[in-house]
Structures are given as C-alpha cells and as structure tokens.
Amino acid sequence: AAKLDEVRAEQKAFERHVEACFGAAATARLLESLDSWKQAPESATLKNTDDTIAKAATVAIAKLKHEENVPAMRKQVEAAIVALESNPLSRWAHARVYLAAANAGATRKELFAPEALELLKEYVGEMAASSNELFPPVVLLALSRCSEADSDLRASCLRRCCVDGVDEMMSVDERTLAAVPIGQALPEPEVVPARPESPDTKVAAQWAELKQNAAPLHSPSLDELVSLIGLTAVKEQALRLFEKVRRERALPAERRIAQTVHFALLGNPGTGKTTVAKLLAKMLHEVGVRRSDVFVATTGEKLARMGADKVAAELARAKGGVLFID
C-alpha cells in the first residue's frame, strides 16, 4: 500500500509539472502517448513519413546518440542541428522537438536552454492543437533537459522516455536517473572540482566554437565585443543572437520568421553602454539583420523637444540601421 501511494504521488507530481509547462490539452495527449511508447520504438515517429524525410531523419537522430568524447559529441550534435533545420527535415513535423533536445543537451545547454524550452513549447502547443498524432518520447527527454525541474521531476520524465531510441541519446547521468525506482533516494550529483574560469575566458571559448561552425558568416564587431573586459550578460546575449541568425539563414525562405531586435542597455554612466550599442549595431549589419550600418544617436530629452515632424525625420534617418536613444 505504501509503495502504491508513492507511485500515485509520483504520477500526480509528474502530471502537475507537465501541465504547468504545456497546459491541460497537451498534457492529456502526452499521457495518452505514454502507453504507446512501451510498444513502439522512437522510430514510430517516422511512420507514414515521406521516404526522403524518413531517411534524413534517421541519419540526423543517429547523430544525437550520446558520446563520452565531448569534442566528437559536439560535432555530431552540430551536424544534426544543421540537418534538422535544412531541407528536407525543415518540413518534418517532429524536427523541432529533436532540435529542442539537442540544444538543451550538455554540449549546448549553457547558451541555448531558454531557446530550447521556447522551441519545445511551440512544438507541443502546435501538435496538441492541430494534429491527432501522439507525442514521441523524445519530448520528455527535451523537457527534462531544458526545464528548471528538480531531480525528482527530471527522473520522472526520464523514466517514462527511456525507451528504444531515446535511451541512446541519454547521457550516463540521465540513464542513471531513469533507472532509479520510484520512492528510492536519487543519487547525489557528482561534484567534480574544476579550475576556476573567468567569465571572459568562458565567453571567448564559446565564441571561438561558434565561429568554427558559422563560416562564411562572421562578425569582426562581435570579435571586438567579446574581447572587452566584463559585460558577460551582454556578450552571451550577442552570441545567442548570432547563433539564431546563423540558424535562420540555413532555413528555406518560407520558414524564416521576421523578428524585431530591440535592446535596453542598463548601467551607470561610464559603463560603456554607447560603445556596446555601436558594436551591436555593426554586428547586426555584418550578419544581415540590418540593411545599413547607419547608427543614429540621440537622447530622450532631444526627441521630446523636437516635435513630431523632426522626430519622424530622425526615425527616417535611422531606417535600415539602428537608432540609439541615450
């Protein structure tokens, strides 16, 4: 009886967690999917799929299998992401959930976990609203990686998706969590002493890695921004934007999403806001987000005193480039 109570409590906690992330309708579809995972392997997502897409998806998914060799794993994941974002897989209904799982994995999580969660929610919402298809188990692998859930809830997700296909994508730690019986204490995460690394060094290493995979896209202004001392949050945001642009450019035109790119740079006088704004403006032009490298600097006070016609003229002067309001 006590064991049964533990199982029920774990199930309720799992359902509450999923509903908080995806909503009631998607949760109901996910619970319906769980039983099918026990009978069908992950490759069931390829049933009734165009042969060309099925073959390309099989190759891309294989690249997401876990490797203990971190550099090799990083290259494989990058190759899988490029494939999932390009034709023919850009037309595959399940490409985004694999992208979410890849971007929230160990080699990319630090930079791309927020974007992965956004992608996962978008996928789940659209699938629940417009399709009668059941969810593939990789949806819970992605959720366990990119949500802020505690270890118990991560274990709940991993137990349920540790089936043929998805288990090969799991890290050793993920498989360990998945194997812990309900009610048993989870293993304490291993703490490996690491050499202290400055934020500047860390961001520089991330930028060096991104540049290797971004050719021919490049940004000398981002080189300059990364070389500045401090400003870690700004640099990380700039790297995320650069990677997002790189990935958008790999998509066919009909799949690209128009977006506005606005920033609020907060800080005391003399902390480099104008310098950073100019570098960001140049970067946006270098990667093709802005047509022009024009940079118009003004202040809120000036705009308030100009009157409508002069403000309109100032906006027109900045069109295609960047308007900086100090």
Protein backbone atom coordinates (compact mmCIF):
# COMPACT_ATOMS: atom_id res chain seq x y z
CA ALA A 1 0.00 0.00 0.00
CA ALA A 2 2.84 2.38 0.87
CA LYS A 3 4.54 1.64 -2.46
CA LEU A 4 1.29 2.24 -4.33
CA ASP A 5 0.93 5.61 -2.59
CA GLU A 6 4.47 6.54 -3.68
CA VAL A 7 3.68 5.62 -7.28
CA ARG A 8 0.47 7.67 -7.25
CA ALA A 9 2.22 10.66 -5.69
CA GLU A 10 4.98 10.49 -8.29
CA GLN A 11 2.42 10.31 -11.12
CA LYS A 12 0.49 13.32 -9.78
CA ALA A 13 3.67 15.37 -9.38
CA PHE A 14 4.70 14.46 -12.94
CA GLU A 15 1.30 15.45 -14.37
CA ARG A 16 1.33 18.78 -12.48
CA HIS A 17 4.79 19.53 -13.82
CA VAL A 18 3.84 18.75 -17.43
CA GLU A 19 0.61 20.73 -17.19
CA ALA A 20 2.47 23.74 -15.79
CA CYS A 21 4.76 23.63 -18.82
CA PHE A 22 2.34 22.75 -21.63
CA GLY A 23 -1.26 23.18 -20.45
CA ALA A 24 -4.10 20.70 -19.88
CA ALA A 25 -4.83 19.71 -23.50
CA ALA A 26 -1.22 18.87 -24.32
CA THR A 27 -0.84 17.00 -21.02
CA ALA A 28 -3.85 14.82 -21.84
CA ARG A 29 -2.31 14.00 -25.26
CA LEU A 30 1.04 13.25 -23.64
CA LEU A 31 -0.49 10.89 -21.09
CA GLU A 32 -2.27 9.14 -23.94
CA SER A 33 1.08 8.78 -25.70
CA LEU A 34 2.84 7.11 -22.76
CA ASP A 35 1.32 3.65 -23.27
CA SER A 36 2.19 3.62 -26.96
CA TRP A 37 5.88 4.18 -26.15
CA LYS A 38 6.11 0.81 -24.45
CA GLN A 39 5.05 -0.98 -27.65
CA ALA A 40 6.62 1.22 -30.32
CA PRO A 41 10.22 2.41 -30.58
CA GLU A 42 11.20 6.02 -31.16
CA SER A 43 11.31 5.30 -34.92
CA ALA A 44 7.49 5.23 -34.81
CA THR A 45 7.70 9.00 -35.42
CA LEU A 46 8.85 8.14 -38.96
CA LYS A 47 5.79 6.06 -39.83
CA ASN A 48 3.67 7.48 -42.64
CA THR A 49 6.52 9.88 -43.43
CA ASP A 50 7.90 10.64 -46.88
CA ASP A 51 10.84 8.28 -47.62
CA THR A 52 13.27 11.15 -48.23
CA ILE A 53 12.40 12.75 -44.89
CA ALA A 54 12.47 9.41 -43.07
CA LYS A 55 15.98 8.61 -44.32
CA ALA A 56 17.31 12.09 -43.50
CA ALA A 57 15.67 11.98 -40.04
CA THR A 58 17.18 8.57 -39.28
CA VAL A 59 20.66 9.92 -40.06
CA ALA A 60 20.12 13.13 -38.02
CA ILE A 61 18.73 11.25 -35.00
CA ALA A 62 21.68 8.86 -35.07
CA LYS A 63 24.00 11.87 -34.66
CA LEU A 64 22.23 12.73 -31.38
CA LYS A 65 23.36 9.49 -29.72
CA HIS A 66 25.40 10.16 -26.61
CA GLU A 67 29.20 10.07 -26.88
CA GLU A 68 31.61 10.23 -23.94
CA ASN A 69 34.09 12.04 -26.18
CA VAL A 70 32.89 15.64 -25.74
CA PRO A 71 34.51 17.20 -28.87
CA ALA A 72 33.13 14.36 -31.02
CA MET A 73 29.70 14.70 -29.43
CA ARG A 74 29.74 18.45 -30.04
CA LYS A 75 30.46 17.97 -33.75
CA GLN A 76 27.78 15.31 -34.09
CA VAL A 77 25.14 17.47 -32.40
CA GLU A 78 26.04 20.47 -34.55
CA ALA A 79 25.71 18.35 -37.69
CA ALA A 80 22.34 17.04 -36.51
CA ILE A 81 21.08 20.57 -35.85
CA VAL A 82 22.13 21.76 -39.31
CA ALA A 83 20.32 18.78 -40.86
CA LEU A 84 17.16 19.29 -38.79
CA GLU A 85 16.97 22.96 -39.81
CA SER A 86 17.54 22.33 -43.52
CA ASN A 87 15.53 20.69 -46.29
CA PRO A 88 14.03 18.13 -46.27
CA LEU A 89 13.80 17.95 -42.45
CA SER A 90 12.63 21.55 -42.09
CA ARG A 91 9.32 20.15 -43.40
CA TRP A 92 9.20 17.30 -40.86
CA ALA A 93 6.61 17.81 -38.11
CA HIS A 94 8.89 16.44 -35.36
CA ALA A 95 12.11 18.27 -36.27
CA ARG A 96 11.62 20.94 -33.60
CA VAL A 97 11.39 18.53 -30.68
CA TYR A 98 14.72 16.96 -31.66
CA LEU A 99 16.19 20.45 -32.04
CA ALA A 100 14.98 21.26 -28.53
CA ALA A 101 16.56 18.10 -27.11
CA ALA A 102 19.83 18.85 -28.93
CA ASN A 103 20.02 22.50 -27.89
CA ALA A 104 19.32 21.62 -24.24
CA GLY A 105 21.90 18.83 -24.18
CA ALA A 106 25.19 19.03 -22.32
CA THR A 107 27.22 20.50 -25.20
CA ARG A 108 24.84 23.45 -25.84
CA LYS A 109 22.68 23.91 -22.75
CA GLU A 110 24.64 26.79 -21.28
CA LEU A 111 23.82 29.10 -24.18
CA PHE A 112 20.65 27.66 -25.67
CA ALA A 113 18.46 26.19 -22.89
CA PRO A 114 15.97 29.15 -22.90
CA GLU A 115 15.61 28.95 -26.68
CA ALA A 116 15.22 25.17 -26.49
CA LEU A 117 12.36 25.44 -23.99
CA GLU A 118 10.64 28.02 -26.19
CA LEU A 119 11.01 25.73 -29.22
CA LEU A 120 9.69 22.75 -27.24
CA LYS A 121 6.60 24.63 -26.03
CA GLU A 122 5.91 25.86 -29.56
CA TYR A 123 6.13 22.30 -30.92
CA VAL A 124 3.93 20.78 -28.20
CA GLY A 125 1.33 23.54 -28.50
CA GLU A 126 1.03 23.20 -32.27
CA MET A 127 0.94 19.40 -32.17
CA ALA A 128 -1.76 19.39 -29.49
CA ALA A 129 -3.87 21.95 -31.38
CA SER A 130 -3.58 20.79 -34.96
CA SER A 131 -2.73 17.09 -35.05
CA ASN A 132 -4.07 13.80 -33.77
CA GLU A 133 -0.58 12.32 -33.69
CA LEU A 134 0.78 11.05 -30.39
CA PHE A 135 3.89 12.69 -29.00
CA PRO A 136 7.23 10.90 -29.42
CA PRO A 137 9.15 10.01 -26.22
CA VAL A 138 11.93 12.49 -27.04
CA VAL A 139 9.55 15.25 -25.91
CA LEU A 140 10.16 14.22 -22.28
CA LEU A 141 13.91 14.00 -22.80
CA ALA A 142 13.83 17.58 -24.08
CA LEU A 143 11.62 18.68 -21.16
CA SER A 144 13.91 17.08 -18.57
CA ARG A 145 16.88 18.93 -20.07
CA CYS A 146 15.53 22.43 -20.57
CA SER A 147 13.10 22.89 -17.69
CA GLU A 148 14.14 24.09 -14.25
CA ALA A 149 12.67 20.99 -12.61
CA ASP A 150 14.29 19.38 -9.59
CA SER A 151 15.95 15.96 -9.79
CA ASP A 152 12.78 14.08 -8.78
CA LEU A 153 10.78 15.55 -11.66
CA ARG A 154 13.67 15.11 -14.09
CA ALA A 155 13.77 11.45 -13.05
CA SER A 156 10.00 11.17 -13.66
CA CYS A 157 10.45 12.45 -17.22
CA LEU A 158 13.46 10.24 -17.91
CA ARG A 159 11.84 7.05 -16.54
CA ARG A 160 8.98 7.46 -18.98
CA CYS A 161 11.02 8.22 -22.08
CA CYS A 162 13.83 5.68 -21.54
CA VAL A 163 12.70 3.51 -24.45
CA ASP A 164 14.36 2.14 -27.57
CA GLY A 165 15.96 5.04 -29.46
CA VAL A 166 15.75 7.75 -26.82
CA ASP A 167 17.85 5.80 -24.31
CA GLU A 168 20.79 6.06 -26.74
CA MET A 169 20.54 9.87 -26.67
CA MET A 170 20.76 9.97 -22.88
CA SER A 171 23.94 10.81 -21.01
CA VAL A 172 25.24 8.45 -18.31
CA ASP A 173 23.74 10.70 -15.63
CA GLU A 174 20.36 10.72 -17.40
CA ARG A 175 20.30 6.93 -17.69
CA THR A 176 21.25 6.65 -14.02
CA LEU A 177 18.33 8.88 -13.02
CA ALA A 178 15.94 6.96 -15.30
CA ALA A 179 16.89 3.67 -13.62
CA VAL A 180 16.15 4.77 -10.04
CA PRO A 181 12.91 3.09 -8.82
CA ILE A 182 10.09 5.34 -7.63
CA GLY A 183 10.45 6.07 -3.93
CA GLN A 184 14.17 5.34 -3.80
CA ALA A 185 16.56 8.19 -2.99
CA LEU A 186 18.17 9.69 -6.07
CA PRO A 187 21.97 9.68 -6.32
CA GLU A 188 23.69 12.90 -5.35
CA PRO A 189 25.15 14.64 -8.40
CA GLU A 190 28.88 14.11 -8.62
CA VAL A 191 30.79 17.30 -7.93
CA VAL A 192 33.98 17.45 -9.94
CA PRO A 193 36.38 20.17 -8.78
CA ALA A 194 37.04 22.46 -11.68
CA ARG A 195 39.69 25.03 -12.26
CA PRO A 196 38.14 28.48 -11.81
CA GLU A 197 37.39 30.00 -15.18
CA SER A 198 36.76 33.69 -15.64
CA PRO A 199 33.50 34.69 -17.37
CA ASP A 200 35.56 36.45 -20.06
CA THR A 201 37.52 33.26 -20.83
CA LYS A 202 34.34 31.20 -20.90
CA VAL A 203 32.53 33.51 -23.34
CA ALA A 204 35.63 33.75 -25.53
CA ALA A 205 35.74 29.93 -25.75
CA GLN A 206 32.03 29.80 -26.64
CA TRP A 207 32.55 32.43 -29.35
CA ALA A 208 35.56 30.56 -30.77
CA GLU A 209 33.44 27.41 -31.02
CA LEU A 210 30.54 29.24 -32.67
CA LYS A 211 32.86 30.82 -35.24
CA GLN A 212 34.20 27.42 -36.28
CA ASN A 213 30.70 26.32 -37.29
CA ALA A 214 29.49 29.65 -38.70
CA ALA A 215 31.60 30.14 -41.84
CA PRO A 216 31.14 32.07 -44.07
CA LEU A 217 29.10 34.18 -41.59
CA HIS A 218 31.42 36.30 -39.48
CA SER A 219 31.33 39.44 -37.34
CA PRO A 220 34.51 41.43 -36.56
CA SER A 221 32.40 43.62 -34.26
CA LEU A 222 31.43 40.60 -32.18
CA ASP A 223 35.14 39.73 -32.00
CA GLU A 224 35.70 43.19 -30.56
CA LEU A 225 32.76 42.94 -28.13
CA VAL A 226 33.93 39.57 -26.81
CA SER A 227 37.44 41.00 -26.26
CA LEU A 228 36.11 43.70 -23.88
CA ILE A 229 36.52 43.10 -20.14
CA GLY A 230 33.31 42.21 -18.26
CA LEU A 231 29.83 42.65 -19.79
CA THR A 232 29.26 38.88 -19.62
CA ALA A 233 25.46 39.06 -19.90
CA VAL A 234 25.67 41.33 -22.95
CA LYS A 235 28.20 39.06 -24.65
CA GLU A 236 26.11 35.94 -24.02
CA GLN A 237 23.03 37.66 -25.44
CA ALA A 238 25.02 38.71 -28.52
CA LEU A 239 26.26 35.12 -29.03
CA ARG A 240 22.70 33.78 -28.78
CA LEU A 241 21.57 36.32 -31.36
CA PHE A 242 24.46 35.45 -33.70
CA GLU A 243 23.66 31.72 -33.48
CA LYS A 244 19.95 32.38 -34.01
CA VAL A 245 20.70 34.40 -37.15
CA ARG A 246 23.06 31.68 -38.42
CA ARG A 247 20.38 29.05 -37.97
CA GLU A 248 17.68 31.22 -39.59
CA ARG A 249 19.88 31.74 -42.64
CA ALA A 250 20.16 27.97 -43.08
CA LEU A 251 16.37 27.67 -43.34
CA PRO A 252 14.41 27.99 -46.58
CA ALA A 253 12.91 31.46 -47.01
CA GLU A 254 9.35 30.31 -46.29
CA ARG A 255 10.36 29.02 -42.84
CA ARG A 256 12.19 32.13 -41.70
CA ILE A 257 10.40 34.22 -39.08
CA ALA A 258 10.64 38.01 -39.31
CA GLN A 259 11.59 39.47 -35.96
CA THR A 260 12.42 42.79 -34.37
CA VAL A 261 15.64 43.10 -32.41
CA HIS A 262 15.45 45.71 -29.66
CA PHE A 263 17.78 46.08 -26.70
CA ALA A 264 17.67 48.02 -23.44
CA LEU A 265 21.24 48.59 -22.19
CA LEU A 266 21.15 49.28 -18.47
CA GLY A 267 24.04 50.66 -16.41
CA ASN A 268 25.52 53.66 -14.68
CA PRO A 269 27.19 56.50 -16.65
CA GLY A 270 30.60 55.48 -17.96
CA THR A 271 29.92 51.72 -18.07
CA GLY A 272 30.20 51.50 -21.87
CA LYS A 273 26.57 51.50 -22.99
CA THR A 274 27.23 53.61 -26.09
CA THR A 275 30.30 51.56 -27.03
CA VAL A 276 28.32 48.34 -26.73
CA ALA A 277 25.41 49.82 -28.70
CA LYS A 278 27.72 50.74 -31.58
CA LEU A 279 29.26 47.26 -31.63
CA LEU A 280 25.85 45.59 -31.55
CA ALA A 281 24.71 47.84 -34.40
CA LYS A 282 27.73 46.87 -36.50
CA MET A 283 27.18 43.20 -35.71
CA LEU A 284 23.53 43.38 -36.80
CA HIS A 285 24.67 44.82 -40.14
CA GLU A 286 27.50 42.29 -40.56
CA VAL A 287 25.20 39.30 -40.11
CA GLY A 288 22.49 40.76 -42.33
CA VAL A 289 19.82 41.63 -39.74
CA ARG A 290 20.11 45.35 -40.68
CA ARG A 291 20.48 46.55 -44.27
CA SER A 292 22.67 49.52 -43.32
CA ASP A 293 25.43 50.27 -40.84
CA VAL A 294 23.94 53.71 -40.07
CA PHE A 295 23.93 54.50 -36.33
CA VAL A 296 21.86 57.48 -35.18
CA ALA A 297 22.44 58.52 -31.57
CA THR A 298 20.07 60.82 -29.71
CA THR A 299 18.53 61.27 -26.26
CA GLY A 300 15.02 61.01 -24.91
CA GLU A 301 15.15 64.69 -23.99
CA LYS A 302 16.08 65.74 -27.53
CA LEU A 303 13.29 63.67 -29.03
CA ALA A 304 10.77 65.15 -26.59
CA ARG A 305 11.71 68.69 -27.64
CA MET A 306 11.87 68.08 -31.38
CA GLY A 307 8.19 67.84 -32.18
CA ALA A 308 6.51 65.18 -34.30
CA ASP A 309 7.92 66.18 -37.72
CA LYS A 310 11.54 66.29 -36.58
CA VAL A 311 11.18 63.01 -34.68
CA ALA A 312 9.78 61.40 -37.85
CA ALA A 313 12.78 62.73 -39.79
CA GLU A 314 15.18 61.32 -37.18
CA LEU A 315 13.48 57.91 -37.42
CA ALA A 316 13.70 58.05 -41.22
CA ARG A 317 17.43 58.82 -40.95
CA ALA A 318 17.94 55.65 -38.91
CA LYS A 319 15.81 53.45 -41.18
CA GLY A 320 17.58 50.24 -42.14
CA GLY A 321 20.12 50.78 -39.37
CA VAL A 322 20.00 51.44 -35.64
CA LEU A 323 18.52 54.25 -33.53
CA PHE A 324 20.22 54.64 -30.14
CA ILE A 325 18.31 56.64 -27.51
CA ASP A 326 20.56 57.52 -24.57
